[in-house]
Amino acid sequence: MELVNSMMKTLNQWSRKIHRWLALPFALMVIALLLARDTSVGMALQRVQPPIMLAMVLTGGYLFLLPYLSKMQRGRRTAANARQRTDAVTGRSELRSMREAEKTR
């Protein structure tokens, strides 16, 4: 679980950095494309634009969905913790471990 959390932190940091660093050049590129439509510079910018746009869409979509994903994970963790506390109070955890031991035999 710790590995997953560290991977998610790394993914969050990198996606934010990539999105932040591509936002300004992308905006400038769109303005330059509007100004230089039929020139050789405009043609070159049209070739570079799709990969940058794809990166912006992917990182932006991830950043948009991130609060919902973290809320789902938090709900799962809360439910699992509540189940463990209930099992500890009622003694069901011992019953589960005995049943699992019987199944492995």
Protein backbone atom coordinates (compact mmCIF):
# COMPACT_ATOMS: atom_id res chain seq x y z
CA MET A 1 0.00 0.00 0.00
CA GLU A 2 2.90 2.32 0.76
CA LEU A 3 4.31 1.72 -2.72
CA VAL A 4 0.99 2.67 -4.29
CA ASN A 5 0.80 5.86 -2.22
CA SER A 6 4.33 6.89 -3.20
CA MET A 7 3.58 6.17 -6.86
CA MET A 8 0.41 8.27 -6.68
CA LYS A 9 2.34 11.15 -5.10
CA THR A 10 4.95 10.97 -7.84
CA LEU A 11 2.27 10.84 -10.54
CA ASN A 12 0.48 13.82 -8.99
CA GLN A 13 3.67 15.87 -8.83
CA TRP A 14 4.75 15.07 -12.39
CA SER A 15 1.33 15.61 -13.92
CA ARG A 16 1.03 18.99 -12.21
CA LYS A 17 4.51 20.02 -13.38
CA ILE A 18 3.93 18.88 -16.94
CA HIS A 19 0.56 20.60 -17.11
CA ARG A 20 1.93 23.81 -15.61
CA TRP A 21 4.96 23.94 -17.91
CA LEU A 22 2.95 23.20 -21.06
CA ALA A 23 0.11 25.66 -20.39
CA LEU A 24 1.94 28.87 -21.28
CA PRO A 25 3.70 27.58 -24.43
CA PHE A 26 0.42 26.06 -25.59
CA ALA A 27 -1.44 29.35 -25.14
CA LEU A 28 1.30 31.23 -26.98
CA MET A 29 1.26 28.65 -29.75
CA VAL A 30 -2.48 29.06 -30.26
CA ILE A 31 -2.06 32.83 -30.52
CA ALA A 32 0.85 32.41 -32.95
CA LEU A 33 -1.21 29.99 -35.06
CA LEU A 34 -4.01 32.53 -35.30
CA LEU A 35 -1.60 35.22 -36.41
CA ALA A 36 0.52 33.14 -38.81
CA ARG A 37 -1.97 30.79 -40.42
CA ASP A 38 -0.65 30.45 -43.96
CA THR A 39 3.07 31.00 -43.35
CA SER A 40 5.83 28.42 -42.96
CA VAL A 41 5.99 29.16 -39.24
CA GLY A 42 2.27 28.44 -38.96
CA MET A 43 2.73 25.12 -40.76
CA ALA A 44 5.55 24.15 -38.39
CA LEU A 45 3.46 25.06 -35.36
CA GLN A 46 0.57 22.98 -36.67
CA ARG A 47 2.85 19.92 -36.64
CA VAL A 48 3.96 20.54 -33.05
CA GLN A 49 0.55 21.40 -31.65
CA PRO A 50 -1.16 17.94 -31.50
CA PRO A 51 1.35 16.23 -29.15
CA ILE A 52 1.29 19.21 -26.80
CA MET A 53 -2.50 19.29 -26.92
CA LEU A 54 -2.64 15.56 -26.12
CA ALA A 55 -0.35 16.02 -23.12
CA MET A 56 -2.47 18.92 -21.90
CA VAL A 57 -5.68 16.91 -22.25
CA LEU A 58 -4.27 13.86 -20.44
CA THR A 59 -2.73 15.78 -17.54
CA GLY A 60 -5.71 18.12 -17.30
CA GLY A 61 -8.16 15.23 -17.26
CA TYR A 62 -6.16 13.49 -14.54
CA LEU A 63 -6.01 16.67 -12.46
CA PHE A 64 -9.74 17.18 -12.95
CA LEU A 65 -10.58 13.64 -11.78
CA LEU A 66 -8.06 13.59 -8.92
CA PRO A 67 -10.43 14.89 -6.19
CA TYR A 68 -13.04 12.30 -7.12
CA LEU A 69 -10.48 9.48 -7.17
CA SER A 70 -9.08 10.46 -3.77
CA LYS A 71 -12.62 10.68 -2.33
CA MET A 72 -13.33 7.13 -3.54
CA GLN A 73 -10.09 5.84 -2.00
CA ARG A 74 -10.82 7.63 1.27
CA GLY A 75 -14.28 6.03 1.37
CA ARG A 76 -12.84 2.57 0.83
CA ARG A 77 -10.26 3.08 3.57
CA THR A 78 -12.91 4.36 5.98
CA ALA A 79 -15.14 1.35 5.30
CA ALA A 80 -12.24 -1.07 5.79
CA ASN A 81 -11.22 0.61 9.06
CA ALA A 82 -14.80 0.53 10.32
CA ARG A 83 -15.04 -3.17 9.46
CA GLN A 84 -11.81 -3.90 11.36
CA ARG A 85 -13.04 -1.99 14.42
CA THR A 86 -16.38 -3.81 14.34
CA ASP A 87 -14.63 -7.15 13.99
CA ALA A 88 -12.35 -6.38 16.91
CA VAL A 89 -15.29 -5.46 19.14
CA THR A 90 -17.46 -8.44 18.19
CA GLY A 91 -14.64 -10.98 17.93
CA ARG A 92 -15.36 -11.78 14.30
CA SER A 93 -11.75 -11.37 13.27
CA GLU A 94 -10.90 -14.55 15.21
CA LEU A 95 -13.73 -16.41 13.47
CA ARG A 96 -12.54 -15.23 10.08
CA SER A 97 -8.98 -16.32 10.74
CA MET A 98 -10.21 -19.76 11.88
CA ARG A 99 -12.38 -20.10 8.74
CA GLU A 100 -9.49 -19.09 6.49
CA ALA A 101 -7.24 -21.60 8.23
CA GLU A 102 -9.83 -24.33 7.62
CA LYS A 103 -10.09 -23.41 3.94
CA THR A 104 -6.34 -23.73 3.40
CA ARG A 105 -6.27 -27.29 4.79
